[in-house]
């Protein structure tokens, strides 16, 4: 598998390194979502969005730094809740911003992939993990 295939957002996770790249890429996606939410909150002067910004940023940090399964599941739950609220608004009000729907769908997919990658890192792909060798002593 080439490095381009490994980094694709829709590729299969077949090795430990594929899962590591997916965790990194999905964490970056959540950092972008947090930045977009921060810009939207600043433009709308809405302090109600600050908790979402903080939760996405902290979750993305925990996902990237510790490859946390809990952070991946929380980010997935937040993404699904946001997507559900947008769809609820679409059904009840008949219109929502199309950009919001696209971002929510991509965030949901990033949450699914992050959850899959973190669980595989600790499960089926943990056997592929390179083992640390003790430093050579003279």
Protein backbone atom coordinates (compact mmCIF):
# COMPACT_ATOMS: atom_id res chain seq x y z
CA UNK A 1 0.00 0.00 0.00
CA UNK A 2 1.43 3.38 -0.94
CA UNK A 3 1.64 6.29 1.47
CA UNK A 4 -1.12 8.09 -0.47
CA UNK A 5 -3.50 5.16 0.03
CA UNK A 6 -2.62 4.93 3.71
CA UNK A 7 -3.53 8.54 4.35
CA UNK A 8 -6.84 8.47 2.50
CA UNK A 9 -9.79 9.32 4.68
CA UNK A 10 -11.78 6.40 3.25
CA UNK A 11 -9.06 3.74 3.18
CA UNK A 12 -8.99 0.51 5.16
CA UNK A 13 -6.95 0.34 8.33
CA UNK A 14 -4.70 -2.64 7.72
CA UNK A 15 -1.67 -1.85 9.84
CA UNK A 16 -0.65 -0.13 13.02
CA UNK A 17 0.77 2.80 11.05
CA UNK A 18 -2.45 3.20 9.04
CA UNK A 19 -4.35 3.59 12.31
CA UNK A 20 -1.78 6.07 13.65
CA UNK A 21 -2.08 8.19 10.51
CA UNK A 22 -5.88 8.05 10.76
CA UNK A 23 -5.82 9.19 14.39
CA UNK A 24 -3.56 12.10 13.46
CA UNK A 25 -5.67 13.10 10.46
CA UNK A 26 -8.96 12.91 12.33
CA UNK A 27 -7.53 14.91 15.23
CA UNK A 28 -6.48 17.57 12.72
CA UNK A 29 -10.01 17.54 11.30
CA UNK A 30 -11.44 18.18 14.76
CA UNK A 31 -8.97 21.01 15.32
CA UNK A 32 -10.25 22.58 12.08
CA UNK A 33 -13.84 22.14 13.25
CA UNK A 34 -12.98 23.82 16.57
CA UNK A 35 -11.38 26.71 14.69
CA UNK A 36 -14.43 27.08 12.43
CA UNK A 37 -16.70 27.06 15.45
CA UNK A 38 -14.52 29.68 17.16
CA UNK A 39 -14.70 31.91 14.09
CA UNK A 40 -18.45 31.45 13.87
CA UNK A 41 -18.87 32.23 17.57
CA UNK A 42 -16.74 35.36 17.24
CA UNK A 43 -18.58 36.54 14.14
CA UNK A 44 -21.98 35.95 15.69
CA UNK A 45 -20.81 37.20 19.09
CA UNK A 46 -22.32 34.11 20.62
CA UNK A 47 -20.73 32.90 23.85
CA UNK A 48 -23.07 29.87 23.74
CA UNK A 49 -20.74 28.17 21.26
CA UNK A 50 -17.64 28.41 23.44
CA UNK A 51 -18.23 25.07 25.24
CA UNK A 52 -18.44 23.30 21.87
CA UNK A 53 -15.20 24.92 20.75
CA UNK A 54 -13.45 23.92 23.97
CA UNK A 55 -14.77 20.34 23.90
CA UNK A 56 -13.73 19.83 20.27
CA UNK A 57 -10.28 21.33 20.86
CA UNK A 58 -9.64 19.36 24.07
CA UNK A 59 -11.01 16.18 22.50
CA UNK A 60 -8.81 16.63 19.43
CA UNK A 61 -5.78 17.22 21.66
CA UNK A 62 -6.49 14.08 23.72
CA UNK A 63 -7.09 12.10 20.55
CA UNK A 64 -3.83 13.19 19.00
CA UNK A 65 -1.64 13.12 22.11
CA UNK A 66 -2.84 9.94 23.82
CA UNK A 67 -4.80 8.20 21.04
CA UNK A 68 -7.65 8.14 23.52
CA UNK A 69 -10.62 5.90 22.83
CA UNK A 70 -12.73 7.92 25.27
CA UNK A 71 -11.93 11.16 23.41
CA UNK A 72 -12.80 9.50 20.09
CA UNK A 73 -16.15 8.28 21.43
CA UNK A 74 -16.99 11.70 22.94
CA UNK A 75 -16.08 13.45 19.67
CA UNK A 76 -18.20 10.96 17.74
CA UNK A 77 -21.15 11.51 20.10
CA UNK A 78 -20.83 15.30 19.74
CA UNK A 79 -20.66 15.01 15.96
CA UNK A 80 -23.70 12.75 15.82
CA UNK A 81 -25.63 15.06 18.15
CA UNK A 82 -24.78 18.05 15.95
CA UNK A 83 -25.79 16.15 12.83
CA UNK A 84 -29.04 15.06 14.48
CA UNK A 85 -29.88 18.61 15.53
CA UNK A 86 -29.18 19.89 12.02
CA UNK A 87 -31.41 17.22 10.48
CA UNK A 88 -34.09 18.01 13.07
CA UNK A 89 -33.88 21.67 12.03
CA UNK A 90 -34.12 20.65 8.38
CA UNK A 91 -37.26 18.63 9.01
CA UNK A 92 -38.95 21.25 11.22
CA UNK A 93 -37.87 24.51 9.61
CA UNK A 94 -37.27 23.30 6.08
CA UNK A 95 -33.87 24.93 5.62
CA UNK A 96 -30.43 24.96 7.14
CA UNK A 97 -27.12 26.32 5.87
CA UNK A 98 -25.70 23.76 3.42
CA UNK A 99 -22.16 24.40 4.65
CA UNK A 100 -23.22 23.45 8.17
CA UNK A 101 -24.65 20.17 6.90
CA UNK A 102 -21.47 19.36 4.95
CA UNK A 103 -19.24 20.15 7.94
CA UNK A 104 -21.48 18.07 10.22
CA UNK A 105 -21.34 15.10 7.83
CA UNK A 106 -17.55 15.31 7.54
CA UNK A 107 -17.21 15.69 11.31
CA UNK A 108 -19.40 12.64 11.82
CA UNK A 109 -17.27 10.63 9.43
CA UNK A 110 -14.11 11.83 11.19
CA UNK A 111 -15.61 10.69 14.50
CA UNK A 112 -16.40 7.26 13.10
CA UNK A 113 -12.89 6.88 11.68
CA UNK A 114 -11.22 8.14 14.87
CA UNK A 115 -13.21 5.68 16.95
CA UNK A 116 -12.37 2.82 14.60
CA UNK A 117 -8.66 3.71 14.55
CA UNK A 118 -8.30 4.09 18.31
CA UNK A 119 -10.07 0.80 19.02
CA UNK A 120 -7.99 -1.02 16.42
CA UNK A 121 -4.78 0.48 17.84
CA UNK A 122 -5.54 -1.16 21.18
CA UNK A 123 -7.08 -4.28 19.71
CA UNK A 124 -6.52 -6.09 16.44
CA UNK A 125 -3.64 -3.91 15.23
CA UNK A 126 -1.75 -3.78 18.53
CA UNK A 127 0.25 -6.88 17.55
CA UNK A 128 1.78 -4.89 14.64
CA UNK A 129 3.05 -2.20 16.98
CA UNK A 130 6.79 -1.78 16.95
CA UNK A 131 8.26 -2.78 20.26
CA UNK A 132 10.63 -0.36 21.94
CA UNK A 133 14.11 -1.66 22.34
CA UNK A 134 16.11 -0.73 25.43
CA UNK A 135 19.03 1.56 24.63
CA UNK A 136 22.34 -0.16 24.12
CA UNK A 137 24.66 0.22 27.03
CA UNK A 138 28.39 0.30 26.62
